[in-house]
Amino acid sequence: MTAREDIAAAASTVTGLKVTPYYRQNLTAGNGFVRFGERTRPSNGFGWLDTWEIWIASPADIEAAEKWIEANQDALLAALDPAEMLVTSLTPSELVLGSVNTPGIVVRGVRGA
């Protein structure tokens, strides 16, 4: 499997989550997708670090997203960290899908390449 597929599969082991490896236009609460963030070289000049994001739709609004993070962050970190990606942040967010603002959570982390 690819890094993207590995990350999606690991995140999907969390109860209530269904994460796909690629962008999805239509999301309902608990569904998400993996997207590539950036590739950077560490200060030692060896290898690369790939930054990945998982975008997860949350129920209702940013308050619900914050509550979801509080309730589920331990399970999500256990599923991902550090085997699939070293999680560096969990952030409530909104994403415009078509013409609709969708509240959610961005899970950001790095993985060596």
N, C-alpha and C. Protein backbone atom coordinates (compact mmCIF):
# COMPACT_ATOMS: atom_id res chain seq x y z
N MET A 1 0.84 -1.18 0.00
CA MET A 1 0.00 0.00 0.00
C MET A 1 0.88 1.25 0.00
N THR A 2 0.30 2.35 -0.45
CA THR A 2 1.02 3.62 -0.44
C THR A 2 0.88 4.27 0.93
N ALA A 3 1.69 5.30 1.18
CA ALA A 3 1.59 6.04 2.44
C ALA A 3 0.17 6.57 2.63
N ARG A 4 -0.39 7.13 1.58
CA ARG A 4 -1.75 7.67 1.63
C ARG A 4 -2.76 6.59 2.03
N GLU A 5 -2.64 5.43 1.43
CA GLU A 5 -3.56 4.32 1.75
C GLU A 5 -3.34 3.81 3.17
N ASP A 6 -2.09 3.74 3.60
CA ASP A 6 -1.78 3.30 4.97
C ASP A 6 -2.38 4.25 6.00
N ILE A 7 -2.24 5.55 5.76
CA ILE A 7 -2.79 6.54 6.68
C ILE A 7 -4.31 6.45 6.74
N ALA A 8 -4.94 6.34 5.58
CA ALA A 8 -6.41 6.24 5.53
C ALA A 8 -6.89 4.98 6.25
N ALA A 9 -6.22 3.86 6.04
CA ALA A 9 -6.62 2.60 6.67
C ALA A 9 -6.46 2.69 8.19
N ALA A 10 -5.36 3.27 8.65
CA ALA A 10 -5.14 3.40 10.09
C ALA A 10 -6.19 4.30 10.73
N ALA A 11 -6.46 5.45 10.12
CA ALA A 11 -7.46 6.38 10.67
C ALA A 11 -8.84 5.74 10.71
N SER A 12 -9.14 4.92 9.72
CA SER A 12 -10.46 4.28 9.64
C SER A 12 -10.69 3.22 10.70
N THR A 13 -9.63 2.85 11.45
CA THR A 13 -9.82 1.89 12.54
C THR A 13 -10.46 2.55 13.76
N VAL A 14 -10.50 3.88 13.79
CA VAL A 14 -11.14 4.60 14.89
C VAL A 14 -12.66 4.49 14.72
N THR A 15 -13.34 4.09 15.77
CA THR A 15 -14.79 3.92 15.72
C THR A 15 -15.47 5.19 15.21
N GLY A 16 -16.31 5.03 14.20
CA GLY A 16 -17.07 6.15 13.65
C GLY A 16 -16.39 6.88 12.52
N LEU A 17 -15.15 6.51 12.17
CA LEU A 17 -14.45 7.18 11.07
C LEU A 17 -14.37 6.30 9.83
N LYS A 18 -14.53 6.94 8.68
CA LYS A 18 -14.30 6.29 7.39
C LYS A 18 -13.50 7.27 6.55
N VAL A 19 -12.20 7.00 6.45
CA VAL A 19 -11.29 7.89 5.75
C VAL A 19 -10.84 7.22 4.45
N THR A 20 -10.95 7.95 3.35
CA THR A 20 -10.51 7.44 2.05
C THR A 20 -9.15 8.04 1.70
N PRO A 21 -8.39 7.37 0.85
CA PRO A 21 -7.05 7.86 0.51
C PRO A 21 -7.04 9.17 -0.29
N TYR A 22 -8.12 9.49 -0.99
CA TYR A 22 -8.15 10.67 -1.84
C TYR A 22 -9.36 11.55 -1.56
N TYR A 23 -9.28 12.78 -2.03
CA TYR A 23 -10.32 13.80 -1.87
C TYR A 23 -11.71 13.27 -2.20
N ARG A 24 -12.67 13.70 -1.39
CA ARG A 24 -14.08 13.40 -1.62
C ARG A 24 -14.86 14.70 -1.60
N GLN A 25 -15.74 14.88 -2.54
CA GLN A 25 -16.53 16.11 -2.63
C GLN A 25 -17.65 16.13 -1.59
N ASN A 26 -18.28 15.00 -1.37
CA ASN A 26 -19.42 14.94 -0.44
C ASN A 26 -19.02 14.21 0.82
N LEU A 27 -19.12 14.92 1.94
CA LEU A 27 -18.76 14.32 3.22
C LEU A 27 -19.89 14.47 4.22
N THR A 28 -20.05 13.45 5.04
CA THR A 28 -20.94 13.53 6.19
C THR A 28 -20.07 13.33 7.43
N ALA A 29 -20.60 13.66 8.58
CA ALA A 29 -19.84 13.57 9.82
C ALA A 29 -19.19 12.20 9.96
N GLY A 30 -17.90 12.20 10.27
CA GLY A 30 -17.16 10.96 10.44
C GLY A 30 -16.45 10.47 9.19
N ASN A 31 -16.75 11.09 8.06
CA ASN A 31 -16.07 10.73 6.81
C ASN A 31 -14.94 11.71 6.56
N GLY A 32 -13.91 11.24 5.90
CA GLY A 32 -12.79 12.11 5.62
C GLY A 32 -11.92 11.61 4.50
N PHE A 33 -10.84 12.33 4.24
CA PHE A 33 -9.91 11.94 3.20
C PHE A 33 -8.51 12.40 3.58
N VAL A 34 -7.52 11.80 2.92
CA VAL A 34 -6.11 12.14 3.15
C VAL A 34 -5.67 13.08 2.04
N ARG A 35 -4.89 14.09 2.42
CA ARG A 35 -4.32 14.96 1.39
C ARG A 35 -2.86 15.23 1.73
N PHE A 36 -2.07 15.40 0.68
CA PHE A 36 -0.64 15.66 0.82
C PHE A 36 -0.42 17.10 1.20
N GLY A 37 0.40 17.35 2.22
CA GLY A 37 0.68 18.71 2.66
C GLY A 37 1.89 19.29 1.96
N GLU A 38 3.07 18.75 2.27
CA GLU A 38 4.30 19.25 1.66
C GLU A 38 5.42 18.26 1.89
N ARG A 39 6.50 18.44 1.17
CA ARG A 39 7.71 17.63 1.36
C ARG A 39 8.85 18.59 1.70
N THR A 40 9.52 18.35 2.83
CA THR A 40 10.62 19.21 3.25
C THR A 40 11.83 18.36 3.61
N ARG A 41 12.99 18.97 3.52
CA ARG A 41 14.23 18.29 3.90
C ARG A 41 14.58 18.71 5.33
N PRO A 42 14.86 17.74 6.21
CA PRO A 42 15.26 18.08 7.58
C PRO A 42 16.56 18.88 7.58
N SER A 43 16.83 19.55 8.69
CA SER A 43 18.02 20.41 8.80
C SER A 43 19.33 19.63 8.64
N ASN A 44 19.31 18.31 8.87
CA ASN A 44 20.55 17.54 8.72
C ASN A 44 20.85 17.23 7.25
N GLY A 45 19.90 17.54 6.34
CA GLY A 45 20.14 17.34 4.91
C GLY A 45 19.94 15.93 4.42
N PHE A 46 19.52 15.02 5.29
CA PHE A 46 19.33 13.63 4.89
C PHE A 46 17.85 13.29 4.81
N GLY A 47 17.46 12.68 3.72
CA GLY A 47 16.09 12.22 3.57
C GLY A 47 15.10 13.36 3.42
N TRP A 48 13.83 12.99 3.50
CA TRP A 48 12.74 13.95 3.36
C TRP A 48 11.68 13.66 4.40
N LEU A 49 10.92 14.69 4.77
CA LEU A 49 9.74 14.52 5.61
C LEU A 49 8.53 14.92 4.79
N ASP A 50 7.59 14.03 4.68
CA ASP A 50 6.34 14.32 3.99
C ASP A 50 5.30 14.70 5.03
N THR A 51 4.64 15.83 4.81
CA THR A 51 3.57 16.26 5.68
C THR A 51 2.25 15.83 5.05
N TRP A 52 1.43 15.15 5.86
CA TRP A 52 0.13 14.66 5.40
C TRP A 52 -0.96 15.27 6.27
N GLU A 53 -2.13 15.39 5.71
CA GLU A 53 -3.29 15.87 6.46
C GLU A 53 -4.44 14.89 6.25
N ILE A 54 -5.20 14.70 7.31
CA ILE A 54 -6.46 13.96 7.20
C ILE A 54 -7.54 14.99 7.49
N TRP A 55 -8.45 15.16 6.57
CA TRP A 55 -9.56 16.09 6.77
C TRP A 55 -10.79 15.27 7.11
N ILE A 56 -11.35 15.48 8.32
CA ILE A 56 -12.50 14.70 8.81
C ILE A 56 -13.68 15.64 9.03
N ALA A 57 -14.80 15.35 8.41
CA ALA A 57 -16.01 16.14 8.62
C ALA A 57 -16.55 15.87 10.02
N SER A 58 -16.97 16.95 10.69
CA SER A 58 -17.52 16.81 12.04
C SER A 58 -19.01 17.12 12.00
N PRO A 59 -19.70 16.72 13.04
CA PRO A 59 -21.11 17.08 13.11
C PRO A 59 -21.28 18.56 13.40
N ALA A 60 -22.21 19.18 12.76
CA ALA A 60 -22.76 20.51 13.09
C ALA A 60 -21.86 21.71 12.91
N ASP A 61 -20.88 21.94 13.77
CA ASP A 61 -20.17 23.21 13.78
C ASP A 61 -18.80 23.07 14.45
N ILE A 62 -18.08 24.19 14.57
CA ILE A 62 -16.75 24.16 15.16
C ILE A 62 -16.79 23.70 16.61
N GLU A 63 -17.80 24.08 17.36
CA GLU A 63 -17.92 23.60 18.74
C GLU A 63 -17.99 22.07 18.76
N ALA A 64 -18.78 21.50 17.86
CA ALA A 64 -18.88 20.04 17.78
C ALA A 64 -17.53 19.43 17.38
N ALA A 65 -16.80 20.12 16.50
CA ALA A 65 -15.48 19.63 16.10
C ALA A 65 -14.52 19.60 17.29
N GLU A 66 -14.55 20.67 18.10
CA GLU A 66 -13.70 20.71 19.28
C GLU A 66 -14.05 19.60 20.26
N LYS A 67 -15.35 19.35 20.45
CA LYS A 67 -15.77 18.27 21.35
C LYS A 67 -15.38 16.91 20.79
N TRP A 68 -15.44 16.76 19.46
CA TRP A 68 -15.04 15.50 18.84
C TRP A 68 -13.56 15.25 19.09
N ILE A 69 -12.75 16.30 18.94
CA ILE A 69 -11.31 16.15 19.19
C ILE A 69 -11.08 15.70 20.62
N GLU A 70 -11.73 16.35 21.58
CA GLU A 70 -11.56 15.99 22.99
C GLU A 70 -11.94 14.54 23.25
N ALA A 71 -13.01 14.07 22.62
CA ALA A 71 -13.51 12.72 22.86
C ALA A 71 -12.72 11.64 22.12
N ASN A 72 -12.11 12.00 20.98
CA ASN A 72 -11.52 10.97 20.11
C ASN A 72 -10.03 11.09 19.86
N GLN A 73 -9.39 12.12 20.38
CA GLN A 73 -7.98 12.31 20.03
C GLN A 73 -7.09 11.15 20.48
N ASP A 74 -7.35 10.58 21.64
CA ASP A 74 -6.50 9.48 22.10
C ASP A 74 -6.58 8.28 21.18
N ALA A 75 -7.80 7.93 20.75
CA ALA A 75 -7.97 6.80 19.84
C ALA A 75 -7.32 7.09 18.49
N LEU A 76 -7.47 8.30 17.99
CA LEU A 76 -6.88 8.66 16.70
C LEU A 76 -5.36 8.65 16.77
N LEU A 77 -4.80 9.20 17.84
CA LEU A 77 -3.34 9.19 18.00
C LEU A 77 -2.81 7.76 18.11
N ALA A 78 -3.53 6.92 18.83
CA ALA A 78 -3.10 5.52 18.97
C ALA A 78 -3.13 4.80 17.62
N ALA A 79 -4.10 5.12 16.79
CA ALA A 79 -4.23 4.47 15.48
C ALA A 79 -3.14 4.92 14.51
N LEU A 80 -2.71 6.16 14.60
CA LEU A 80 -1.77 6.73 13.63
C LEU A 80 -0.33 6.82 14.13
N ASP A 81 -0.16 7.22 15.35
CA ASP A 81 1.10 7.71 15.86
C ASP A 81 1.89 6.63 16.57
N PRO A 82 3.12 6.34 16.27
CA PRO A 82 3.92 6.94 15.22
C PRO A 82 4.03 6.06 13.97
N ALA A 83 3.38 4.91 13.95
CA ALA A 83 3.59 3.96 12.86
C ALA A 83 3.25 4.53 11.48
N GLU A 84 2.13 5.22 11.35
CA GLU A 84 1.73 5.73 10.04
C GLU A 84 2.10 7.19 9.83
N MET A 85 1.94 7.99 10.87
CA MET A 85 2.35 9.38 10.77
C MET A 85 2.48 9.94 12.17
N LEU A 86 3.50 10.74 12.38
CA LEU A 86 3.72 11.41 13.65
C LEU A 86 2.83 12.64 13.66
N VAL A 87 1.75 12.60 14.43
CA VAL A 87 0.77 13.68 14.44
C VAL A 87 1.36 14.89 15.13
N THR A 88 1.27 16.05 14.45
CA THR A 88 1.80 17.29 15.00
C THR A 88 0.70 18.26 15.41
N SER A 89 -0.52 18.10 14.87
CA SER A 89 -1.61 18.99 15.27
C SER A 89 -2.96 18.40 14.93
N LEU A 90 -3.96 18.80 15.72
CA LEU A 90 -5.38 18.51 15.48
C LEU A 90 -6.08 19.86 15.57
N THR A 91 -6.71 20.30 14.49
CA THR A 91 -7.26 21.65 14.44
C THR A 91 -8.68 21.67 13.91
N PRO A 92 -9.63 22.28 14.64
CA PRO A 92 -10.96 22.49 14.06
C PRO A 92 -10.83 23.40 12.84
N SER A 93 -11.64 23.15 11.84
CA SER A 93 -11.52 23.91 10.60
C SER A 93 -12.83 23.89 9.85
N GLU A 94 -12.87 24.61 8.75
CA GLU A 94 -13.99 24.54 7.81
C GLU A 94 -13.40 24.39 6.42
N LEU A 95 -14.06 23.60 5.59
CA LEU A 95 -13.63 23.37 4.22
C LEU A 95 -14.81 23.65 3.32
N VAL A 96 -14.58 24.39 2.25
CA VAL A 96 -15.65 24.65 1.29
C VAL A 96 -15.68 23.49 0.30
N LEU A 97 -16.77 22.76 0.31
CA LEU A 97 -16.98 21.65 -0.63
C LEU A 97 -18.12 22.07 -1.55
N GLY A 98 -17.78 22.38 -2.79
CA GLY A 98 -18.78 22.94 -3.68
C GLY A 98 -19.10 24.34 -3.18
N SER A 99 -20.33 24.57 -2.80
CA SER A 99 -20.72 25.88 -2.26
C SER A 99 -21.10 25.79 -0.79
N VAL A 100 -20.74 24.68 -0.14
CA VAL A 100 -21.13 24.45 1.24
C VAL A 100 -19.90 24.48 2.16
N ASN A 101 -19.98 25.24 3.25
CA ASN A 101 -18.93 25.20 4.28
C ASN A 101 -19.17 23.98 5.15
N THR A 102 -18.17 23.11 5.20
CA THR A 102 -18.28 21.88 5.98
C THR A 102 -17.34 21.97 7.18
N PRO A 103 -17.89 21.90 8.41
CA PRO A 103 -17.02 21.93 9.58
C PRO A 103 -16.28 20.60 9.73
N GLY A 104 -15.09 20.69 10.30
CA GLY A 104 -14.35 19.45 10.47
C GLY A 104 -13.10 19.63 11.29
N ILE A 105 -12.23 18.63 11.19
CA ILE A 105 -10.99 18.57 11.93
C ILE A 105 -9.87 18.26 10.94
N VAL A 106 -8.77 19.00 11.04
CA VAL A 106 -7.59 18.69 10.24
C VAL A 106 -6.58 18.03 11.17
N VAL A 107 -6.17 16.82 10.81
CA VAL A 107 -5.14 16.10 11.55
C VAL A 107 -3.89 16.20 10.68
N ARG A 108 -2.86 16.83 11.20
CA ARG A 108 -1.63 17.06 10.41
C ARG A 108 -0.47 16.33 11.06
N GLY A 109 0.38 15.75 10.22
CA GLY A 109 1.53 15.04 10.75
C GLY A 109 2.57 14.78 9.68
N VAL A 110 3.69 14.21 10.11
CA VAL A 110 4.80 13.93 9.18
C VAL A 110 5.08 12.44 9.12
N ARG A 111 5.68 12.08 8.01
CA ARG A 111 6.07 10.70 7.77
C ARG A 111 7.34 10.75 6.95
N GLY A 112 8.35 10.01 7.34
CA GLY A 112 9.61 9.99 6.59
C GLY A 112 9.43 9.38 5.21
N ALA A 113 10.19 9.88 4.26
CA ALA A 113 10.11 9.36 2.90
C ALA A 113 11.47 8.90 2.44
